[in-house]
Amino acid sequence: MPESIHTMSSKAAKEHNKHIIQPPSFTTKAIKNYFKTRITSLWVGKKEWSKYTWYEILNPFPPLLEMNLHQWNFFFMGAGYWTLDALDFFITTLNVTDISESLGKSKKDITWGITLVLMFRTLGAIIFGLIGDRYGRKWPFIVNLVLLCAIQIGTGFVKTYSQFLAVRAIFGICMGGVFGVSLAEAISDAPASARGILSGAFQSCYSLGFLISTVFQRAFEKTKHTWQNMFFFSAGLSFIFIVWRLFNPETDSYQRQKERFSKNANAKNSKWAEFKSSAGKALKSYWLIIIYLVIMMSGFNFSSHGSQDLYPTMLSAQYGYGPNRITVVNVCANLGAIAGGIAVSHLSNFIGRRTAIMCGNILAGAFIYPWAFKPMWITAFMMQFGIQGAWGVVPIHLSELSPPQFKAFVTGVAYQLGNLVSSASSTIEATIEESLHDYGRTMAIFVGAVVAFLFCTVLLGPENRHASLSVERDDEYSIFEVDDDEEDEENESKLDDKIDDITFEKPEVEHKA
């Protein structure tokens, strides 16, 4: 046990230990108690609430002042990677009509290209997640970007529908490796107090990618080969992030994880034995939570794809919006998504992750009718404020519920399995529309059902707010009694940050390439 732990107060040790994920219990008493607390745990409690000031609650930016240059570097690198991922994906969404005309296929046929991407992303999450947790995140990051660059260029040169489907399937494998690795890179080293707003900012980068793709789509519409040029453009951006990542080391968090793994492997004289042992322990404690995360992420992905993928098509095909007006509405929708993601995720630090997600669901549900039947910039803004506001909590909520030594794998696979379940969103909506001949009605019914499902799922789910993201999180510490005078109110209010600082001995870590 590290010597520094002996400086820990009883309150700090208790706070740390309560975040340890224990194997699930299926006794009648445990089940009754769990479901009983799903309602009572939605409110953080008067004692905790009294520790916060309205300045802390309403102003999300002071925690960011605690970030150092190293932490900002990794956040922007990971978030930029996630932004590029979104830009790459939404190029197809924005060009369904043009691609269908070029390849001589129906819009429904082209949406299968979107579906294939979503289906194959799970395979990529498994491959890159395992490699990232076991061997480091740097080279999976770089290799993934090189492959994405090559595939985007190849998509611009396809001439047949079969070729189009083939490159989109391969693209899906590479795209699946982005979320888990980029999330681990972005927030693993960040201070606990900043993780709420960073979670929202990270997830909002997906909307930022959609926004960027929308703006450049409008610019490239003046060229002869619009959709092909969009794919070439996105391929060029990948090179910037390849160089950026090449000149940076692994995160501090991963270096500590690697050091622990090496020590345990040396003690057992086998790296494979240590890997199996770590995986077995994690699976024993987290298996039920992992199943829940897949169900939850299915609901989230249905809500996102159901409200975004065919929205430009609805605006043009049903309401006769021209390119300029579609651009304005989409830009406003994504500005709403960015604002909602940051605001709701920051509030989740105070009101709880589940409560914040459910508030986003309620707001989205309230705007379904005007969003679908009276589309304009404000209805699109508010709808995505609710949908992506709930989404903003996802990165930190997933990270806190995942085993820390396998967070790239579990967060990525849970996210992408949710994508797999929701992969037919666009095709389902297109099929329903063929029967109803009404995009607005189709999308309103679809999104309404999804939002209701997600609300109920999150209501019944677990939460591990403010848990440490480091590999030491599941270590159980003894409680050392100290005088109450040693624990003043100021220290209590900063307890989460203290735990990250004192529950382990940091090794010498590299900050230069």
Protein backbone atom coordinates (compact mmCIF):
# COMPACT_ATOMS: atom_id res chain seq x y z
CA MET A 1 0.00 0.00 0.00
CA PRO A 2 1.50 3.40 -0.97
CA GLU A 3 2.74 5.37 2.01
CA SER A 4 0.88 8.49 0.86
CA ILE A 5 -2.43 6.78 1.62
CA HIS A 6 -1.70 7.12 5.34
CA THR A 7 -2.24 10.86 5.02
CA MET A 8 -5.82 10.25 3.91
CA SER A 9 -8.60 11.29 6.25
CA SER A 10 -11.44 8.95 7.17
CA LYS A 11 -13.83 11.03 5.06
CA ALA A 12 -11.56 10.77 2.02
CA ALA A 13 -11.18 7.01 2.42
CA LYS A 14 -14.95 6.54 2.81
CA GLU A 15 -15.59 8.73 -0.24
CA HIS A 16 -13.14 6.68 -2.28
CA ASN A 17 -14.48 3.32 -1.15
CA LYS A 18 -18.11 4.15 -1.90
CA HIS A 19 -17.25 4.44 -5.61
CA ILE A 20 -15.86 0.90 -5.83
CA ILE A 21 -18.05 -1.23 -8.10
CA GLN A 22 -18.97 -4.46 -6.34
CA PRO A 23 -20.20 -7.68 -8.04
CA PRO A 24 -24.01 -7.53 -8.42
CA SER A 25 -26.17 -9.15 -5.75
CA PHE A 26 -29.49 -10.76 -6.67
CA THR A 27 -31.00 -11.25 -3.23
CA THR A 28 -34.57 -10.07 -2.77
CA LYS A 29 -33.43 -7.42 -0.30
CA ALA A 30 -30.75 -6.08 -2.67
CA ILE A 31 -33.15 -5.91 -5.62
CA LYS A 32 -35.86 -4.14 -3.62
CA ASN A 33 -33.37 -1.65 -2.21
CA TYR A 34 -31.95 -0.92 -5.67
CA PHE A 35 -35.29 -0.11 -7.28
CA LYS A 36 -36.38 1.86 -4.22
CA THR A 37 -33.32 4.10 -4.51
CA ARG A 38 -33.82 4.81 -8.23
CA ILE A 39 -36.22 7.58 -7.25
CA THR A 40 -34.60 8.79 -4.04
CA SER A 41 -31.14 8.95 -5.64
CA LEU A 42 -32.30 11.42 -8.30
CA TRP A 43 -31.83 14.24 -5.77
CA VAL A 44 -28.31 14.76 -4.43
CA GLY A 45 -29.53 15.66 -0.95
CA LYS A 46 -29.78 18.84 1.06
CA LYS A 47 -26.38 18.39 2.74
CA GLU A 48 -24.48 18.11 -0.54
CA TRP A 49 -26.53 20.80 -2.26
CA SER A 50 -25.72 23.25 0.56
CA LYS A 51 -22.02 22.98 -0.29
CA TYR A 52 -22.54 24.60 -3.69
CA THR A 53 -22.92 28.28 -4.45
CA TRP A 54 -25.07 29.62 -7.26
CA TYR A 55 -21.88 31.02 -8.80
CA GLU A 56 -20.45 27.47 -9.07
CA ILE A 57 -23.70 26.10 -10.47
CA LEU A 58 -24.33 28.83 -13.05
CA ASN A 59 -20.75 29.44 -14.13
CA PRO A 60 -19.12 26.38 -15.72
CA PHE A 61 -15.78 28.00 -16.50
CA PRO A 62 -13.84 28.38 -13.18
CA PRO A 63 -12.99 24.63 -13.03
CA LEU A 64 -11.25 25.01 -16.38
CA LEU A 65 -8.71 27.36 -14.77
CA GLU A 66 -7.37 24.34 -12.88
CA MET A 67 -6.30 22.73 -16.17
CA ASN A 68 -2.60 22.85 -17.06
CA LEU A 69 -1.07 22.93 -20.55
CA HIS A 70 -0.53 19.16 -20.62
CA GLN A 71 -4.19 18.49 -19.80
CA TRP A 72 -5.45 21.03 -22.35
CA ASN A 73 -3.20 19.54 -25.03
CA PHE A 74 -4.65 16.05 -24.59
CA PHE A 75 -8.20 17.33 -24.32
CA PHE A 76 -8.03 19.28 -27.59
CA MET A 77 -6.25 16.41 -29.32
CA GLY A 78 -8.88 13.87 -28.25
CA ALA A 79 -11.78 16.24 -28.87
CA GLY A 80 -10.40 17.18 -32.29
CA TYR A 81 -10.17 13.51 -33.21
CA TRP A 82 -13.84 13.09 -32.23
CA THR A 83 -14.81 16.20 -34.24
CA LEU A 84 -13.14 14.80 -37.33
CA ASP A 85 -14.96 11.50 -36.82
CA ALA A 86 -18.31 13.32 -36.90
CA LEU A 87 -17.37 15.34 -39.97
CA ASP A 88 -16.41 12.17 -41.83
CA PHE A 89 -19.68 10.45 -40.92
CA PHE A 90 -22.09 13.27 -41.75
CA ILE A 91 -20.73 13.81 -45.26
CA THR A 92 -22.84 10.87 -46.41
CA THR A 93 -25.89 12.12 -44.49
CA LEU A 94 -25.71 15.54 -46.15
CA ASN A 95 -25.24 14.07 -49.63
CA VAL A 96 -27.85 11.29 -49.74
CA THR A 97 -29.65 12.90 -52.68
CA ASP A 98 -26.49 13.70 -54.69
CA ILE A 99 -24.94 10.28 -54.13
CA SER A 100 -28.18 8.53 -55.11
CA GLU A 101 -28.25 10.50 -58.39
CA SER A 102 -24.56 9.81 -59.13
CA LEU A 103 -24.84 6.07 -58.50
CA GLY A 104 -28.34 5.68 -59.98
CA LYS A 105 -29.89 4.38 -56.76
CA SER A 106 -32.78 5.45 -54.53
CA LYS A 107 -32.29 7.49 -51.35
CA LYS A 108 -33.30 4.43 -49.34
CA ASP A 109 -30.48 2.44 -51.00
CA ILE A 110 -27.91 5.09 -50.07
CA THR A 111 -29.06 5.10 -46.44
CA TRP A 112 -27.80 1.51 -46.30
CA GLY A 113 -24.33 3.06 -46.57
CA ILE A 114 -25.06 4.87 -43.29
CA THR A 115 -26.42 1.66 -41.78
CA LEU A 116 -23.31 -0.34 -42.72
CA VAL A 117 -21.05 2.23 -41.07
CA LEU A 118 -23.04 1.99 -37.85
CA MET A 119 -23.07 -1.82 -37.97
CA PHE A 120 -19.31 -2.28 -38.44
CA ARG A 121 -18.26 0.29 -35.85
CA THR A 122 -18.53 -2.32 -33.08
CA LEU A 123 -15.74 -4.40 -34.63
CA GLY A 124 -13.49 -1.34 -34.71
CA ALA A 125 -14.27 -0.51 -31.07
CA ILE A 126 -13.27 -4.03 -29.99
CA ILE A 127 -10.01 -4.04 -31.97
CA PHE A 128 -8.77 -0.53 -31.15
CA GLY A 129 -10.16 -0.55 -27.60
CA LEU A 130 -8.29 -3.72 -26.59
CA ILE A 131 -5.07 -2.56 -28.21
CA GLY A 132 -5.42 0.88 -26.62
CA ASP A 133 -5.96 -0.43 -23.08
CA ARG A 134 -3.26 -3.08 -23.33
CA TYR A 135 -0.48 -1.42 -25.35
CA GLY A 136 -1.23 2.31 -25.26
CA ARG A 137 -3.49 4.77 -27.06
CA LYS A 138 -0.89 6.64 -29.16
CA TRP A 139 -0.34 4.20 -32.02
CA PRO A 140 -3.95 3.00 -32.34
CA PHE A 141 -4.81 6.72 -32.60
CA ILE A 142 -2.29 7.26 -35.43
CA VAL A 143 -2.98 4.04 -37.35
CA ASN A 144 -6.72 4.66 -37.18
CA LEU A 145 -6.32 8.15 -38.67
CA VAL A 146 -4.10 6.89 -41.49
CA LEU A 147 -6.72 4.29 -42.42
CA LEU A 148 -9.56 6.82 -42.23
CA CYS A 149 -7.64 9.17 -44.51
CA ALA A 150 -7.12 6.43 -47.12
CA ILE A 151 -10.75 5.28 -47.00
CA GLN A 152 -12.19 8.78 -47.36
CA ILE A 153 -10.06 9.30 -50.47
CA GLY A 154 -11.23 5.94 -51.80
CA THR A 155 -14.90 6.84 -51.23
CA GLY A 156 -14.49 9.89 -53.44
CA PHE A 157 -13.48 7.65 -56.35
CA VAL A 158 -16.28 5.03 -56.18
CA LYS A 159 -18.21 4.48 -59.40
CA THR A 160 -20.71 1.75 -58.45
CA TYR A 161 -23.14 1.12 -55.62
CA SER A 162 -21.28 -2.05 -54.58
CA GLN A 163 -18.02 -0.13 -54.28
CA PHE A 164 -19.79 2.50 -52.20
CA LEU A 165 -21.14 -0.06 -49.74
CA ALA A 166 -17.74 -1.79 -49.50
CA VAL A 167 -15.76 1.33 -48.59
CA ARG A 168 -18.45 2.48 -46.12
CA ALA A 169 -18.28 -0.89 -44.33
CA ILE A 170 -14.48 -0.60 -44.01
CA PHE A 171 -14.88 3.01 -42.91
CA GLY A 172 -17.24 1.80 -40.17
CA ILE A 173 -14.55 -0.49 -38.72
CA CYS A 174 -12.05 2.36 -38.52
CA MET A 175 -14.62 4.85 -37.25
CA GLY A 176 -15.57 2.46 -34.44
CA GLY A 177 -12.12 2.82 -32.91
CA VAL A 178 -12.41 6.56 -32.39
CA PHE A 179 -14.75 7.12 -29.42
CA GLY A 180 -13.13 4.99 -26.72
CA VAL A 181 -9.56 6.02 -27.52
CA SER A 182 -10.31 9.72 -28.05
CA LEU A 183 -12.39 9.92 -24.84
CA ALA A 184 -9.63 8.27 -22.79
CA GLU A 185 -7.10 10.70 -24.27
CA ALA A 186 -9.29 13.76 -23.67
CA ILE A 187 -10.37 13.51 -20.04
CA SER A 188 -8.27 10.88 -18.23
CA ASP A 189 -5.72 13.43 -16.95
CA ALA A 190 -8.21 16.24 -16.31
CA PRO A 191 -9.01 17.40 -12.73
CA ALA A 192 -12.24 15.99 -11.28
CA SER A 193 -13.91 19.39 -10.92
CA ALA A 194 -13.55 20.07 -14.67
CA ARG A 195 -14.79 16.70 -15.94
CA GLY A 196 -18.45 17.70 -16.09
CA ILE A 197 -17.98 20.58 -18.51
CA LEU A 198 -15.22 18.73 -20.39
CA SER A 199 -17.61 15.82 -20.93
CA GLY A 200 -20.14 18.14 -22.53
CA ALA A 201 -17.49 19.95 -24.54
CA PHE A 202 -16.09 16.64 -25.78
CA GLN A 203 -19.46 15.26 -26.83
CA SER A 204 -20.44 18.60 -28.36
CA CYS A 205 -17.51 18.17 -30.72
CA TYR A 206 -19.66 15.62 -32.55
CA SER A 207 -22.18 18.39 -33.20
CA LEU A 208 -19.30 20.68 -34.07
CA GLY A 209 -18.24 18.14 -36.68
CA PHE A 210 -21.78 18.17 -38.09
CA LEU A 211 -21.68 21.98 -38.09
CA ILE A 212 -18.36 22.07 -39.92
CA SER A 213 -19.55 19.53 -42.47
CA THR A 214 -22.72 21.58 -43.04
CA VAL A 215 -20.76 24.80 -43.63
CA PHE A 216 -18.25 23.20 -46.00
CA GLN A 217 -21.02 21.32 -47.76
CA ARG A 218 -22.50 24.68 -48.65
CA ALA A 219 -19.11 25.91 -49.86
CA PHE A 220 -18.43 22.84 -51.99
CA GLU A 221 -21.88 23.01 -53.60
CA LYS A 222 -20.35 25.53 -55.98
CA THR A 223 -17.97 22.86 -57.31
CA LYS A 224 -18.76 20.26 -59.96
CA HIS A 225 -18.23 17.15 -57.82
CA THR A 226 -19.65 18.23 -54.48
CA TRP A 227 -19.84 15.01 -52.49
CA GLN A 228 -16.55 13.66 -53.85
CA ASN A 229 -14.72 16.86 -52.90
CA MET A 230 -16.17 16.70 -49.37
CA PHE A 231 -14.62 13.26 -48.88
CA PHE A 232 -11.24 14.49 -50.19
CA PHE A 233 -11.40 17.52 -47.88
CA SER A 234 -12.03 15.42 -44.76
CA ALA A 235 -9.14 13.11 -45.68
CA GLY A 236 -6.75 16.06 -45.71
CA LEU A 237 -7.74 17.13 -42.19
CA SER A 238 -6.69 13.73 -40.81
CA PHE A 239 -3.03 14.50 -41.55
CA ILE A 240 -3.02 17.38 -39.03
CA PHE A 241 -4.02 15.07 -36.17
CA ILE A 242 -1.59 12.36 -37.25
CA VAL A 243 1.33 14.79 -36.86
CA TRP A 244 -0.06 16.24 -33.62
CA ARG A 245 -0.36 12.83 -31.94
CA LEU A 246 3.00 11.68 -33.26
CA PHE A 247 4.84 14.29 -31.18
CA ASN A 248 3.10 13.55 -27.85
CA PRO A 249 3.59 10.74 -25.29
CA GLU A 250 0.96 8.60 -23.57
CA THR A 251 -1.27 10.28 -20.97
CA ASP A 252 -0.16 10.30 -17.32
CA SER A 253 -3.14 8.10 -16.48
CA TYR A 254 -2.14 5.43 -18.95
CA GLN A 255 1.51 5.53 -17.86
CA ARG A 256 0.41 4.76 -14.28
CA GLN A 257 -1.79 1.96 -15.59
CA LYS A 258 1.09 0.54 -17.61
CA GLU A 259 3.43 0.70 -14.61
CA ARG A 260 0.96 -1.22 -12.42
CA PHE A 261 0.40 -3.83 -15.13
CA SER A 262 4.15 -4.34 -15.55
CA LYS A 263 4.72 -4.77 -11.80
CA ASN A 264 1.93 -7.33 -11.49
CA ALA A 265 3.03 -9.15 -14.64
CA ASN A 266 6.61 -9.40 -13.31
CA ALA A 267 5.30 -10.83 -10.04
CA LYS A 268 3.40 -13.51 -11.98
CA ASN A 269 6.16 -13.92 -14.61
CA SER A 270 3.48 -13.61 -17.29
CA LYS A 271 1.89 -10.61 -18.97
CA TRP A 272 -0.87 -12.80 -20.36
CA ALA A 273 -1.70 -14.14 -16.88
CA GLU A 274 -1.94 -10.60 -15.52
CA PHE A 275 -4.13 -9.49 -18.42
CA LYS A 276 -6.52 -12.43 -17.90
CA SER A 277 -6.59 -11.79 -14.17
CA SER A 278 -7.41 -8.08 -14.62
CA ALA A 279 -10.06 -8.82 -17.22
CA GLY A 280 -11.63 -11.51 -15.04
CA LYS A 281 -11.85 -9.25 -12.00
CA ALA A 282 -13.34 -6.42 -14.07
CA LEU A 283 -15.89 -8.71 -15.72
CA LYS A 284 -16.94 -10.18 -12.37
CA SER A 285 -17.78 -6.75 -10.97
CA TYR A 286 -18.91 -4.89 -14.08
CA TRP A 287 -20.73 -7.43 -16.29
CA LEU A 288 -24.24 -6.26 -15.40
CA ILE A 289 -23.29 -2.60 -15.72
CA ILE A 290 -21.78 -3.27 -19.15
CA ILE A 291 -25.05 -4.84 -20.33
CA TYR A 292 -26.90 -1.79 -19.02
CA LEU A 293 -24.49 0.57 -20.78
CA VAL A 294 -25.20 -1.14 -24.12
CA ILE A 295 -28.97 -0.76 -23.60
CA MET A 296 -28.56 2.87 -22.57
CA MET A 297 -26.30 3.67 -25.52
CA SER A 298 -28.81 2.05 -27.88
CA GLY A 299 -31.38 4.58 -26.72
CA PHE A 300 -28.93 7.46 -27.02
CA ASN A 301 -27.87 6.49 -30.54
CA PHE A 302 -31.48 6.05 -31.67
CA SER A 303 -32.22 9.56 -30.35
CA SER A 304 -29.24 11.09 -32.10
CA HIS A 305 -29.53 9.37 -35.49
CA GLY A 306 -33.32 9.51 -35.45
CA SER A 307 -33.32 13.28 -35.00
CA GLN A 308 -30.39 14.14 -37.29
CA ASP A 309 -29.69 11.76 -40.15
CA LEU A 310 -32.78 12.41 -42.30
CA TYR A 311 -33.61 15.89 -41.02
CA PRO A 312 -31.97 17.67 -44.00
CA THR A 313 -33.87 15.31 -46.32
CA MET A 314 -37.15 16.14 -44.54
CA LEU A 315 -36.53 19.88 -44.85
CA SER A 316 -35.89 19.66 -48.58
CA ALA A 317 -38.29 16.89 -49.64
CA GLN A 318 -41.33 17.79 -47.51
CA TYR A 319 -41.03 21.47 -46.71
CA GLY A 320 -39.25 22.63 -49.85
CA TYR A 321 -36.33 24.30 -48.06
CA GLY A 322 -33.57 25.47 -50.35
CA PRO A 323 -29.85 24.94 -49.67
CA ASN A 324 -29.41 28.28 -47.86
CA ARG A 325 -32.34 27.74 -45.52
CA ILE A 326 -31.33 24.14 -44.78
CA THR A 327 -27.84 25.38 -43.91
CA VAL A 328 -29.23 27.98 -41.49
CA VAL A 329 -31.51 25.46 -39.74
CA ASN A 330 -28.74 22.87 -39.46
CA VAL A 331 -26.26 25.41 -38.13
CA CYS A 332 -28.75 26.54 -35.47
CA ALA A 333 -29.52 22.92 -34.56
CA ASN A 334 -25.86 22.21 -33.98
CA LEU A 335 -25.32 25.43 -32.05
CA GLY A 336 -28.18 24.27 -29.81
CA ALA A 337 -26.50 20.88 -29.47
CA ILE A 338 -23.19 22.44 -28.45
CA ALA A 339 -24.83 24.80 -25.94
CA GLY A 340 -26.99 22.01 -24.51
CA GLY A 341 -24.12 19.57 -24.23
CA ILE A 342 -21.97 21.99 -22.23
CA ALA A 343 -24.76 23.34 -20.02
CA VAL A 344 -26.43 20.05 -19.09
CA SER A 345 -23.18 18.16 -18.51
CA HIS A 346 -21.93 20.93 -16.23
CA LEU A 347 -25.17 20.80 -14.22
CA SER A 348 -24.75 17.03 -13.88
CA ASN A 349 -21.87 17.72 -11.49
CA PHE A 350 -24.41 19.16 -9.06
CA ILE A 351 -27.79 17.55 -9.76
CA GLY A 352 -26.49 14.09 -10.76
CA ARG A 353 -25.76 12.39 -14.09
CA ARG A 354 -29.10 10.60 -14.39
CA THR A 355 -31.16 13.61 -13.37
CA ALA A 356 -29.39 15.81 -15.91
CA ILE A 357 -29.94 13.27 -18.72
CA MET A 358 -33.64 12.98 -17.88
CA CYS A 359 -34.03 16.78 -17.88
CA GLY A 360 -32.58 16.81 -21.40
CA ASN A 361 -35.06 14.10 -22.43
CA ILE A 362 -38.01 16.11 -21.07
CA LEU A 363 -36.92 19.22 -22.97
CA ALA A 364 -36.52 17.25 -26.21
CA GLY A 365 -39.95 15.66 -25.78
CA ALA A 366 -41.54 19.06 -25.31
CA PHE A 367 -40.23 20.26 -28.69
CA ILE A 368 -40.99 17.21 -30.84
CA TYR A 369 -44.16 18.65 -32.38
CA PRO A 370 -42.82 22.09 -33.42
CA TRP A 371 -39.51 20.51 -34.51
CA ALA A 372 -41.24 18.05 -36.86
CA PHE A 373 -44.25 20.05 -38.08
CA LYS A 374 -43.14 23.69 -37.76
CA PRO A 375 -39.43 23.46 -38.56
CA MET A 376 -37.46 26.66 -38.15
CA TRP A 377 -34.17 27.66 -36.58
CA ILE A 378 -35.48 28.01 -33.01
CA THR A 379 -37.31 24.66 -32.94
CA ALA A 380 -34.22 22.91 -34.34
CA PHE A 381 -32.04 24.72 -31.77
CA MET A 382 -34.21 23.69 -28.80
CA MET A 383 -34.69 20.11 -29.98
CA GLN A 384 -30.95 19.50 -30.25
CA PHE A 385 -30.35 21.43 -27.01
CA GLY A 386 -32.38 18.69 -25.30
CA ILE A 387 -31.15 15.69 -27.30
CA GLN A 388 -27.47 16.59 -27.23
CA GLY A 389 -27.75 18.15 -23.77
CA ALA A 390 -28.50 14.65 -22.48
CA TRP A 391 -25.73 13.32 -24.72
CA GLY A 392 -23.24 15.72 -23.13
CA VAL A 393 -23.35 13.71 -19.91
CA VAL A 394 -22.57 10.43 -21.72
CA PRO A 395 -18.72 10.61 -21.85
CA ILE A 396 -18.25 11.17 -18.11
CA HIS A 397 -21.18 8.89 -17.16
CA LEU A 398 -19.72 6.05 -19.25
CA SER A 399 -16.21 6.64 -17.87
CA GLU A 400 -17.38 6.60 -14.25
CA LEU A 401 -19.31 3.35 -14.76
CA SER A 402 -16.57 1.54 -16.74
CA PRO A 403 -13.65 -0.41 -15.24
CA PRO A 404 -10.79 2.13 -15.19
CA GLN A 405 -8.17 -0.26 -16.60
CA PHE A 406 -10.43 -1.09 -19.57
CA LYS A 407 -12.24 2.20 -20.11
CA ALA A 408 -11.19 2.68 -23.76
CA PHE A 409 -12.53 -0.79 -24.57
CA VAL A 410 -15.74 -0.69 -22.49
CA THR A 411 -16.76 2.90 -23.34
CA GLY A 412 -16.00 2.33 -27.01
CA VAL A 413 -17.72 -1.05 -27.30
CA ALA A 414 -20.78 0.04 -25.29
CA TYR A 415 -21.09 3.11 -27.49
CA GLN A 416 -20.68 1.18 -30.72
CA LEU A 417 -22.91 -1.74 -29.72
CA GLY A 418 -25.53 0.92 -29.10
CA ASN A 419 -24.78 2.16 -32.60
CA LEU A 420 -25.16 -1.38 -33.92
CA VAL A 421 -28.59 -1.73 -32.35
CA SER A 422 -29.60 1.66 -33.76
CA SER A 423 -27.82 1.18 -37.09
CA ALA A 424 -31.03 0.89 -39.06
CA SER A 425 -32.45 4.21 -37.77
CA SER A 426 -32.29 5.97 -41.13
CA THR A 427 -33.58 2.94 -43.02
CA ILE A 428 -36.41 2.40 -40.53
CA GLU A 429 -37.48 6.03 -40.86
CA ALA A 430 -37.20 5.89 -44.64
CA THR A 431 -39.32 2.72 -44.70
CA ILE A 432 -42.00 4.22 -42.42
CA GLU A 433 -42.06 7.35 -44.57
CA GLU A 434 -42.77 5.24 -47.65
CA SER A 435 -46.00 4.13 -45.91
CA LEU A 436 -46.99 7.43 -44.28
CA HIS A 437 -45.67 9.73 -47.04
CA ASP A 438 -44.94 12.26 -44.28
CA TYR A 439 -41.38 12.82 -43.00
CA GLY A 440 -42.55 15.06 -40.16
CA ARG A 441 -45.02 12.55 -38.79
CA THR A 442 -42.53 9.70 -39.22
CA MET A 443 -39.73 11.45 -37.35
CA ALA A 444 -42.05 12.73 -34.59
CA ILE A 445 -43.34 9.21 -33.84
CA PHE A 446 -39.86 7.71 -33.99
CA VAL A 447 -38.11 10.28 -31.80
CA GLY A 448 -40.99 10.40 -29.30
CA ALA A 449 -40.78 6.65 -28.72
CA VAL A 450 -37.01 6.76 -28.39
CA VAL A 451 -36.98 9.65 -25.90
CA ALA A 452 -39.56 7.87 -23.71
CA PHE A 453 -37.49 4.65 -23.79
CA LEU A 454 -34.28 6.48 -22.88
CA PHE A 455 -35.96 8.35 -20.02
CA CYS A 456 -37.16 5.08 -18.44
CA THR A 457 -33.81 3.35 -19.02
CA VAL A 458 -31.80 6.08 -17.30
CA LEU A 459 -34.33 6.30 -14.46
CA LEU A 460 -33.73 2.62 -13.65
CA GLY A 461 -29.96 2.71 -14.19
CA PRO A 462 -26.95 3.10 -11.87
CA GLU A 463 -24.71 6.12 -11.31
CA ASN A 464 -21.17 6.60 -9.98
CA ARG A 465 -20.84 10.39 -9.99
CA HIS A 466 -17.42 11.81 -9.08
CA ALA A 467 -15.68 8.40 -9.16
CA SER A 468 -11.98 8.56 -9.95
CA LEU A 469 -10.99 7.66 -13.51
CA SER A 470 -7.55 6.33 -12.56
CA VAL A 471 -6.60 2.67 -12.30
CA GLU A 472 -6.54 2.92 -8.47
CA ARG A 473 -10.31 3.47 -8.29
CA ASP A 474 -11.24 -0.11 -7.40
CA ASP A 475 -8.55 -0.43 -4.70
CA GLU A 476 -10.20 -0.62 -1.29
CA TYR A 477 -8.48 1.57 1.30
CA SER A 478 -8.49 1.23 5.07
CA ILE A 479 -10.11 4.10 6.95
CA PHE A 480 -7.75 5.96 9.22
CA GLU A 481 -9.41 7.86 12.03
CA VAL A 482 -8.47 11.54 12.32
CA ASP A 483 -9.70 14.46 14.35
CA ASP A 484 -12.74 16.18 12.92
CA ASP A 485 -10.92 19.49 13.33
CA GLU A 486 -8.54 18.44 10.61
CA GLU A 487 -11.37 18.33 8.08
CA ASP A 488 -12.63 21.82 7.47
CA GLU A 489 -15.44 22.75 5.13
CA GLU A 490 -13.09 23.95 2.41
CA ASN A 491 -11.33 20.59 2.26
CA GLU A 492 -14.65 18.74 2.14
CA SER A 493 -15.80 20.80 -0.83
CA LYS A 494 -12.65 19.81 -2.75
CA LEU A 495 -12.67 16.17 -1.67
CA ASP A 496 -13.01 14.70 -5.16
CA ASP A 497 -9.90 16.47 -6.42
CA LYS A 498 -7.94 15.46 -3.32
CA ILE A 499 -8.73 11.80 -3.80
CA ASP A 500 -7.25 11.84 -7.29
CA ASP A 501 -4.11 13.48 -5.93
CA ILE A 502 -3.36 11.39 -2.82
CA THR A 503 -4.56 7.86 -3.36
CA PHE A 504 -1.61 6.86 -5.47
CA GLU A 505 2.04 7.63 -5.97
CA LYS A 506 2.58 9.14 -9.40
CA PRO A 507 5.54 7.67 -11.29
CA GLU A 508 7.89 9.77 -13.29
CA VAL A 509 5.90 10.42 -16.44
CA GLU A 510 7.04 11.75 -19.74
CA HIS A 511 5.68 15.04 -21.01
CA LYS A 512 7.78 15.26 -24.13
CA ALA A 513 8.01 13.02 -27.12
